[in-house]
Amino acid sequence: MSVTEAAPPARAAGTAAPSRFRMSWQVLLLGLFGLLVLLSVARVLTGANDITSGGTFGAALGLAVPIGLAALGGLWSERAGVVNIGLEGMMIFGTWFGAWGALQFSSPWAGVIAGLIGGALGGLLHAIATVTFGVDHIISGVAITMLGQGVTQYLSKLVFEGMPGGGETQSPRVPAPERVSIPGIGEPLQTLEAKGWFLLSDVAGLLRGLTQNVSLLTIVAILLVPLSYWLLWRTAFGLRLRSCGERPVAAESLGVNVYFYKYVAVIVSGALAGLGGAFLSLVAAGIYREGQTGGRGFIGLAAMIFGNWRPGGLAGGAALFGFTDALQLRQGGVSVHALLLVIVLLLVAFAVYQAVRHRHVRAAVISAACALAVFVVFAVTDTVPDQFTSFTPHLATLLVLSLASQRLRMPAADGVPYRRGQAS
């Protein structure tokens, strides 16, 4: 029996429907283009050419993939009503099993499958604890993260210690998936990028970073975003799964096996997080190291929340966090200093939007004051201290969540304990 969405209540005649902002692919692409224009302005005014170089965008893509996969895993779980704080632990399982599988079978794709299985096992443990036994979702997630750290430490000592190049905290070098490029456009794009023209050179840098020397696993990860959207929003399976995160009692009354869909969602969530972990050991580093995830599971959770529990939004959030991480890794304080000017322009635009569109004078004044403060810091400094640049991705996470908090809507039954046959 299928689940149907309830119709909205009828409005009185002559009453206009309230306008509501909806994140769509068109809005997301328009926003990314506007951000590229602001980055181009900052590059021209500051001379920080690396801020939009092909190398920066390529590094940002690689850094965004594990965050995006963790965010996508969180989306699957929370759309079914299960909070997954254990994404970090499932990524840890993925890093270790990914390296082990690649070494054991001398194939990076065997490592990818092993990473998926390792993360899925973490998801299965989370599902057993939360769905079957009713353990608090936060407690279970934290426990799985701690379990992942302890189990992988033990397994490293058991398996990698004694191998050539291995040890109790790392594996030997592992084979990496193949990298591909679109032929014939690399050199023309690099030539156009080197000219330093406004916007055109920045677009060339973006295209070069996204089309040259890209891992096949990166392409697979990108394709998983539209695939997840199609499965969750365009199929009966996805409608039933999402109903378990909105109204599980109503879904049960219509014949949906709520336990089954929650289990599927959390196991898929773990598998996606494990794939993100495997990406770190197989592609990003070419080796497993203890502590390799570096909190990316939690940043992925933040990207999912920023994206309002939607695939397009979380992809944008992952790209943003990956870009800030790439900046601090490449030119450090110089690029981050140029990024301050971008923040000033964004705050000014936000202040104008609040004043003109919504007539929120208080919000506009606060945004304008923040823009002035950031501009003063930008004007009186030439670079940003290294201690601050390493914190840039985490600061971006906090700022984005604080600015987007008023427009967020989590699934209604997310984190709510469910028992079969309970009253609504």
Protein backbone atom coordinates (compact mmCIF):
# COMPACT_ATOMS: atom_id res chain seq x y z
CA MET A 1 0.00 0.00 0.00
CA SER A 2 1.45 3.39 -0.97
CA VAL A 3 1.91 6.42 1.20
CA THR A 4 0.47 9.69 0.00
CA GLU A 5 1.37 13.14 1.22
CA ALA A 6 -1.34 15.08 2.96
CA ALA A 7 -2.87 17.91 0.98
CA PRO A 8 -2.32 21.44 2.35
CA PRO A 9 -5.29 23.13 4.01
CA ALA A 10 -7.46 25.26 1.78
CA ARG A 11 -7.01 29.04 1.89
CA ALA A 12 -9.68 31.64 1.98
CA ALA A 13 -10.56 33.20 -1.35
CA GLY A 14 -8.39 36.16 -2.23
CA THR A 15 -5.64 35.19 0.24
CA ALA A 16 -2.21 35.10 -1.32
CA ALA A 17 0.08 32.21 -0.49
CA PRO A 18 3.09 33.27 1.57
CA SER A 19 6.32 33.36 -0.40
CA ARG A 20 8.78 30.69 0.65
CA PHE A 21 12.38 30.29 -0.45
CA ARG A 22 13.11 26.86 -1.92
CA MET A 23 16.59 25.58 -2.67
CA SER A 24 16.72 24.26 -6.24
CA TRP A 25 19.46 23.35 -8.68
CA GLN A 26 18.85 26.62 -10.55
CA VAL A 27 19.18 28.68 -7.36
CA LEU A 28 22.27 26.72 -6.32
CA LEU A 29 24.00 27.25 -9.69
CA LEU A 30 23.09 30.95 -9.67
CA GLY A 31 24.50 31.29 -6.16
CA LEU A 32 27.74 29.53 -7.13
CA PHE A 33 28.10 31.82 -10.17
CA GLY A 34 27.58 34.89 -7.97
CA LEU A 35 30.22 33.59 -5.56
CA LEU A 36 32.64 33.10 -8.47
CA VAL A 37 32.08 36.74 -9.49
CA LEU A 38 32.89 37.89 -5.95
CA LEU A 39 36.02 35.73 -5.90
CA SER A 40 37.07 37.26 -9.22
CA VAL A 41 36.61 40.77 -7.79
CA ALA A 42 38.70 39.82 -4.74
CA ARG A 43 41.42 38.32 -6.95
CA VAL A 44 41.69 41.44 -9.10
CA LEU A 45 41.73 43.83 -6.13
CA THR A 46 44.14 41.86 -3.94
CA GLY A 47 46.37 40.11 -6.47
CA ALA A 48 45.86 36.74 -4.75
CA ASN A 49 45.74 34.83 -8.04
CA ASP A 50 45.66 31.42 -6.38
CA ILE A 51 42.21 32.08 -4.96
CA THR A 52 40.60 31.00 -8.27
CA SER A 53 43.37 28.92 -9.83
CA GLY A 54 42.79 25.49 -11.31
CA GLY A 55 44.97 23.97 -8.61
CA THR A 56 42.80 25.48 -5.87
CA PHE A 57 39.56 24.30 -7.44
CA GLY A 58 41.00 20.83 -8.04
CA ALA A 59 42.13 20.62 -4.41
CA ALA A 60 38.74 21.92 -3.26
CA LEU A 61 36.98 19.18 -5.24
CA GLY A 62 39.12 16.49 -3.64
CA LEU A 63 38.58 17.92 -0.16
CA ALA A 64 34.83 18.32 -0.70
CA VAL A 65 34.23 14.69 -1.73
CA PRO A 66 34.64 12.99 1.70
CA ILE A 67 32.64 15.78 3.38
CA GLY A 68 29.90 15.45 0.76
CA LEU A 69 29.74 11.67 1.10
CA ALA A 70 29.43 11.95 4.89
CA ALA A 71 26.71 14.58 4.42
CA LEU A 72 24.90 12.34 1.94
CA GLY A 73 25.08 9.50 4.46
CA GLY A 74 23.57 11.75 7.11
CA LEU A 75 20.80 12.71 4.69
CA TRP A 76 19.74 9.09 4.16
CA SER A 77 19.70 8.34 7.87
CA GLU A 78 17.94 11.47 9.07
CA ARG A 79 15.33 11.41 6.32
CA ALA A 80 14.28 8.09 7.86
CA GLY A 81 14.21 9.65 11.34
CA VAL A 82 17.53 8.40 12.76
CA VAL A 83 20.11 11.00 13.85
CA ASN A 84 23.56 9.80 12.82
CA ILE A 85 26.25 11.44 14.94
CA GLY A 86 28.32 8.31 14.27
CA LEU A 87 29.26 9.39 10.73
CA GLU A 88 32.80 10.12 11.93
CA GLY A 89 33.20 6.58 13.30
CA MET A 90 31.80 5.06 10.11
CA MET A 91 34.29 7.11 8.09
CA ILE A 92 37.08 5.80 10.32
CA PHE A 93 35.99 2.24 9.52
CA GLY A 94 36.00 3.19 5.83
CA THR A 95 39.57 4.54 5.92
CA TRP A 96 40.97 1.38 7.50
CA PHE A 97 38.97 -1.17 5.53
CA GLY A 98 39.57 0.75 2.30
CA ALA A 99 43.34 0.54 2.74
CA TRP A 100 43.17 -3.08 3.90
CA GLY A 101 41.03 -4.17 0.94
CA ALA A 102 43.29 -2.44 -1.58
CA LEU A 103 46.38 -4.11 -0.10
CA GLN A 104 44.77 -7.52 0.38
CA PHE A 105 43.46 -7.81 -3.18
CA SER A 106 45.98 -5.47 -4.91
CA SER A 107 43.14 -3.40 -6.34
CA PRO A 108 41.87 0.06 -5.37
CA TRP A 109 38.31 -0.92 -6.30
CA ALA A 110 38.49 -3.84 -3.87
CA GLY A 111 39.43 -1.19 -1.30
CA VAL A 112 36.38 0.87 -2.31
CA ILE A 113 34.10 -2.13 -1.76
CA ALA A 114 35.80 -2.95 1.55
CA GLY A 115 35.37 0.66 2.68
CA LEU A 116 31.67 0.52 1.79
CA ILE A 117 31.26 -2.70 3.78
CA GLY A 118 33.21 -1.32 6.76
CA GLY A 119 31.05 1.77 6.94
CA ALA A 120 27.89 -0.28 6.42
CA LEU A 121 28.82 -2.46 9.41
CA GLY A 122 29.06 0.69 11.51
CA GLY A 123 25.65 1.73 10.20
CA LEU A 124 24.23 -1.69 11.05
CA LEU A 125 25.45 -1.36 14.65
CA HIS A 126 23.83 2.09 14.86
CA ALA A 127 20.56 0.71 13.47
CA ILE A 128 20.51 -2.22 15.91
CA ALA A 129 21.12 0.13 18.84
CA THR A 130 18.66 2.86 17.87
CA VAL A 131 15.91 1.12 15.89
CA THR A 132 15.74 -2.25 17.63
CA PHE A 133 16.80 -1.43 21.19
CA GLY A 134 15.75 2.22 21.34
CA VAL A 135 19.13 3.58 22.47
CA ASP A 136 19.42 7.36 22.37
CA HIS A 137 20.67 8.29 18.90
CA ILE A 138 23.36 10.68 20.14
CA ILE A 139 24.75 8.18 22.65
CA SER A 140 24.86 5.43 20.03
CA GLY A 141 26.59 7.70 17.49
CA VAL A 142 29.26 8.81 19.95
CA ALA A 143 29.83 5.20 21.01
CA ILE A 144 30.32 4.10 17.39
CA THR A 145 32.87 6.88 16.82
CA MET A 146 34.81 5.75 19.90
CA LEU A 147 34.47 2.12 18.77
CA GLY A 148 35.82 2.99 15.33
CA GLN A 149 38.89 4.63 16.83
CA GLY A 150 39.60 1.70 19.15
CA VAL A 151 38.93 -1.11 16.65
CA THR A 152 41.07 0.43 13.89
CA GLN A 153 43.95 0.98 16.33
CA TYR A 154 43.83 -2.70 17.28
CA LEU A 155 43.51 -3.87 13.68
CA SER A 156 46.44 -1.70 12.57
CA LYS A 157 48.69 -3.27 15.18
CA LEU A 158 47.45 -6.71 14.16
CA VAL A 159 47.68 -6.32 10.36
CA PHE A 160 49.90 -3.40 9.29
CA GLU A 161 52.66 -3.64 11.88
CA GLY A 162 55.57 -5.54 10.38
CA MET A 163 54.62 -4.79 6.75
CA PRO A 164 57.19 -2.80 4.72
CA GLY A 165 56.22 0.85 5.20
CA GLY A 166 53.47 -0.03 7.67
CA GLY A 167 53.17 0.34 11.42
CA GLU A 168 50.75 0.44 14.29
CA THR A 169 49.38 3.84 13.17
CA GLN A 170 49.59 3.57 9.38
CA SER A 171 49.47 1.19 6.44
CA PRO A 172 51.91 0.73 3.56
CA ARG A 173 51.22 2.68 0.38
CA VAL A 174 48.00 1.57 -1.30
CA PRO A 175 47.07 1.51 -5.01
CA ALA A 176 44.91 4.47 -6.04
CA PRO A 177 41.98 4.56 -8.49
CA GLU A 178 42.75 5.85 -11.96
CA ARG A 179 42.63 9.56 -12.77
CA VAL A 180 41.14 10.94 -15.97
CA SER A 181 41.13 14.26 -17.84
CA ILE A 182 39.04 15.65 -20.66
CA PRO A 183 41.56 15.71 -23.52
CA GLY A 184 42.36 18.78 -25.57
CA ILE A 185 41.19 21.50 -23.19
CA GLY A 186 43.80 21.48 -20.41
CA GLU A 187 46.43 23.69 -22.07
CA PRO A 188 43.96 26.24 -23.58
CA LEU A 189 42.29 26.63 -20.18
CA GLN A 190 45.65 27.07 -18.47
CA THR A 191 46.66 29.71 -21.02
CA LEU A 192 43.40 31.62 -20.52
CA GLU A 193 43.76 31.34 -16.75
CA ALA A 194 47.28 32.81 -16.86
CA LYS A 195 46.06 35.99 -18.62
CA GLY A 196 44.38 37.17 -15.40
CA TRP A 197 41.25 38.53 -17.10
CA PHE A 198 38.27 39.36 -14.93
CA LEU A 199 35.86 36.42 -14.61
CA LEU A 200 37.00 34.71 -17.84
CA SER A 201 40.28 33.56 -16.29
CA ASP A 202 38.45 32.52 -13.14
CA VAL A 203 35.97 30.44 -15.12
CA ALA A 204 38.92 28.86 -16.94
CA GLY A 205 40.52 28.02 -13.59
CA LEU A 206 37.28 26.47 -12.37
CA LEU A 207 36.86 24.35 -15.51
CA ARG A 208 40.50 23.24 -15.43
CA GLY A 209 40.20 22.17 -11.81
CA LEU A 210 37.02 20.18 -12.49
CA THR A 211 38.08 18.49 -15.74
CA GLN A 212 41.78 17.67 -15.40
CA ASN A 213 43.39 14.86 -13.37
CA VAL A 214 40.16 13.87 -11.63
CA SER A 215 39.92 10.53 -9.83
CA LEU A 216 37.30 8.09 -11.08
CA LEU A 217 36.13 7.72 -7.48
CA THR A 218 35.45 11.46 -7.41
CA ILE A 219 33.17 11.09 -10.43
CA VAL A 220 31.35 8.20 -8.75
CA ALA A 221 30.89 10.31 -5.60
CA ILE A 222 29.46 13.24 -7.59
CA LEU A 223 26.99 10.96 -9.41
CA LEU A 224 25.72 9.65 -6.06
CA VAL A 225 24.18 13.08 -5.31
CA PRO A 226 21.62 13.12 -8.18
CA LEU A 227 21.11 9.36 -7.73
CA SER A 228 20.18 9.89 -4.08
CA TYR A 229 17.82 12.71 -5.06
CA TRP A 230 16.09 10.50 -7.61
CA LEU A 231 15.76 7.58 -5.21
CA LEU A 232 14.50 9.62 -2.25
CA TRP A 233 12.25 12.13 -4.05
CA ARG A 234 11.18 10.44 -7.28
CA THR A 235 10.40 6.84 -6.30
CA ALA A 236 7.82 5.10 -4.12
CA PHE A 237 10.68 3.62 -2.11
CA GLY A 238 11.98 7.10 -1.29
CA LEU A 239 8.51 8.38 -0.36
CA ARG A 240 8.05 5.51 2.09
CA LEU A 241 11.51 6.05 3.55
CA ARG A 242 10.91 9.78 4.04
CA SER A 243 7.52 9.10 5.58
CA CYS A 244 9.33 7.15 8.32
CA GLY A 245 11.17 10.35 9.22
CA GLU A 246 8.07 12.52 9.11
CA ARG A 247 5.10 10.49 10.40
CA PRO A 248 6.20 6.91 11.19
CA VAL A 249 2.92 6.01 12.93
CA ALA A 250 0.91 7.16 9.92
CA ALA A 251 3.29 5.28 7.61
CA GLU A 252 2.80 2.11 9.68
CA SER A 253 -0.98 2.47 9.46
CA LEU A 254 -0.65 2.46 5.67
CA GLY A 255 1.35 -0.77 5.63
CA VAL A 256 4.91 0.57 5.57
CA ASN A 257 7.44 -1.57 7.46
CA VAL A 258 9.03 1.31 9.36
CA TYR A 259 11.76 -0.81 10.96
CA PHE A 260 12.86 -2.13 7.57
CA TYR A 261 13.15 1.30 5.99
CA LYS A 262 15.02 2.72 8.97
CA TYR A 263 17.48 -0.18 8.81
CA VAL A 264 18.02 0.31 5.07
CA ALA A 265 18.52 4.05 5.48
CA VAL A 266 21.05 3.77 8.32
CA ILE A 267 23.04 0.99 6.63
CA VAL A 268 23.20 3.02 3.38
CA SER A 269 24.21 6.01 5.50
CA GLY A 270 27.11 4.05 6.97
CA ALA A 271 28.14 2.74 3.55
CA LEU A 272 28.29 6.29 2.11
CA ALA A 273 30.31 7.53 5.09
CA GLY A 274 32.60 4.50 4.70
CA LEU A 275 33.06 5.39 1.03
CA GLY A 276 34.11 8.88 2.12
CA GLY A 277 36.64 7.30 4.46
CA ALA A 278 37.95 5.03 1.69
CA PHE A 279 38.38 8.12 -0.49
CA LEU A 280 40.66 9.62 2.15
CA SER A 281 42.97 6.61 2.33
CA LEU A 282 42.89 5.61 -1.36
CA VAL A 283 42.73 8.94 -3.21
CA ALA A 284 43.52 11.86 -0.92
CA ALA A 285 46.56 10.32 0.83
CA GLY A 286 47.33 6.97 -0.82
CA ILE A 287 47.87 5.55 2.65
CA TYR A 288 45.90 4.87 5.84
CA ARG A 289 46.90 6.93 8.87
CA GLU A 290 45.37 7.00 12.32
CA GLY A 291 43.19 10.10 12.81
CA GLN A 292 42.91 10.56 9.05
CA THR A 293 39.28 11.69 9.06
CA GLY A 294 40.09 14.81 11.10
CA GLY A 295 36.48 15.51 12.05
CA ARG A 296 35.18 15.42 8.47
CA GLY A 297 32.24 13.30 9.57
CA PHE A 298 31.08 16.11 11.83
CA ILE A 299 31.71 18.73 9.13
CA GLY A 300 29.66 16.55 6.76
CA LEU A 301 26.84 16.59 9.30
CA ALA A 302 27.08 20.40 9.34
CA ALA A 303 27.00 20.48 5.52
CA MET A 304 23.83 18.36 5.57
CA ILE A 305 22.17 20.73 8.05
CA PHE A 306 23.27 23.76 6.02
CA GLY A 307 21.75 22.12 2.95
CA ASN A 308 18.41 21.81 4.81
CA TRP A 309 18.39 18.03 4.49
CA ARG A 310 18.40 18.28 0.66
CA PRO A 311 21.00 16.81 -1.77
CA GLY A 312 21.63 20.03 -3.71
CA GLY A 313 22.08 22.09 -0.58
CA LEU A 314 24.48 19.65 1.06
CA ALA A 315 26.53 19.51 -2.15
CA GLY A 316 26.87 23.29 -2.00
CA GLY A 317 27.82 23.13 1.67
CA ALA A 318 30.46 20.46 1.02
CA ALA A 319 31.90 22.56 -1.84
CA LEU A 320 32.09 25.61 0.43
CA PHE A 321 33.89 23.77 3.22
CA GLY A 322 36.21 22.04 0.73
CA PHE A 323 37.10 25.39 -0.86
CA THR A 324 37.99 27.07 2.45
CA ASP A 325 40.07 24.03 3.37
CA ALA A 326 41.89 24.18 0.01
CA LEU A 327 42.68 27.88 0.45
CA GLN A 328 44.36 27.43 3.80
CA LEU A 329 46.38 24.50 2.47
CA ARG A 330 47.71 26.21 -0.67
CA GLN A 331 48.59 29.86 0.03
CA GLY A 332 47.62 30.03 3.70
CA GLY A 333 47.32 33.54 5.06
CA VAL A 334 47.47 35.32 1.68
CA SER A 335 44.44 33.56 0.19
CA VAL A 336 42.46 33.66 3.43
CA HIS A 337 43.18 37.40 3.67
CA ALA A 338 41.70 37.87 0.19
CA LEU A 339 38.73 35.82 1.32
CA LEU A 340 38.00 38.50 3.95
CA LEU A 341 37.08 40.86 1.10
CA VAL A 342 34.64 38.27 -0.25
CA ILE A 343 33.06 38.06 3.21
CA VAL A 344 32.69 41.86 3.26
CA LEU A 345 30.91 41.83 -0.12
CA LEU A 346 28.63 38.97 0.96
CA LEU A 347 27.67 40.77 4.19
CA VAL A 348 26.94 43.99 2.29
CA ALA A 349 24.76 42.10 -0.20
CA PHE A 350 22.95 40.36 2.67
CA ALA A 351 22.34 43.71 4.40
CA VAL A 352 20.88 45.22 1.22
CA TYR A 353 18.70 42.14 0.69
CA GLN A 354 17.33 42.31 4.24
CA ALA A 355 16.64 46.04 3.99
CA VAL A 356 15.04 46.08 0.55
CA ARG A 357 13.32 42.71 0.23
CA HIS A 358 12.25 41.92 3.80
CA ARG A 359 12.56 45.38 5.41
CA HIS A 360 14.37 43.86 8.38
CA VAL A 361 16.22 46.99 9.48
CA ARG A 362 17.81 45.36 12.53
CA ALA A 363 19.25 42.45 10.54
CA ALA A 364 20.49 44.84 7.85
CA VAL A 365 22.23 47.07 10.41
CA ILE A 366 23.89 44.09 12.12
CA SER A 367 25.13 42.73 8.78
CA ALA A 368 26.44 46.17 7.75
CA ALA A 369 28.26 46.54 11.07
CA CYS A 370 29.85 43.10 10.68
CA ALA A 371 30.88 44.02 7.11
CA LEU A 372 32.53 47.21 8.38
CA ALA A 373 34.39 45.32 11.11
CA VAL A 374 35.70 42.69 8.67
CA PHE A 375 36.71 45.43 6.20
CA VAL A 376 38.71 47.21 8.90
CA VAL A 377 40.57 43.97 9.64
CA PHE A 378 41.17 43.50 5.90
CA ALA A 379 42.44 47.09 5.47
CA VAL A 380 44.89 47.13 8.37
CA THR A 381 46.46 43.71 7.71
CA ASP A 382 48.38 42.19 4.81
CA THR A 383 48.00 38.54 5.75
CA VAL A 384 46.26 36.27 8.23
CA PRO A 385 48.20 34.41 10.95
CA ASP A 386 48.81 30.71 10.31
CA GLN A 387 46.98 29.84 13.53
CA PHE A 388 43.82 31.37 12.08
CA THR A 389 44.12 29.87 8.60
CA SER A 390 44.11 26.31 9.97
CA PHE A 391 40.83 27.15 11.73
CA THR A 392 39.23 28.63 8.57
CA PRO A 393 37.16 25.55 7.53
CA HIS A 394 35.73 25.17 11.04
CA LEU A 395 34.96 28.90 11.25
CA ALA A 396 33.18 28.70 7.90
CA THR A 397 31.12 25.82 9.29
CA LEU A 398 30.03 27.86 12.32
CA LEU A 399 29.24 31.00 10.28
CA VAL A 400 27.21 29.15 7.66
CA LEU A 401 25.14 27.27 10.25
CA SER A 402 24.46 30.43 12.24
CA LEU A 403 23.33 32.38 9.16
CA ALA A 404 21.19 29.54 7.77
CA SER A 405 19.59 28.44 11.05
CA GLN A 406 16.35 30.39 10.59
CA ARG A 407 15.50 28.65 7.30
CA LEU A 408 16.17 25.08 8.38
CA ARG A 409 13.48 22.43 8.67
CA MET A 410 14.54 19.01 9.87
CA PRO A 411 12.32 15.91 9.36
CA ALA A 412 9.51 16.05 11.91
CA ALA A 413 10.32 12.69 13.55
CA ASP A 414 14.12 12.97 13.31
CA GLY A 415 15.60 11.53 16.49
CA VAL A 416 12.18 10.65 17.95
CA PRO A 417 12.06 7.09 19.40
CA TYR A 418 9.61 4.83 17.53
CA ARG A 419 7.97 1.60 18.64
CA ARG A 420 5.73 -0.53 16.44
CA GLY A 421 2.07 -0.12 17.31
CA GLN A 422 2.50 3.04 19.37
CA ALA A 423 -0.21 5.69 19.35
CA SER A 424 0.36 8.87 17.37
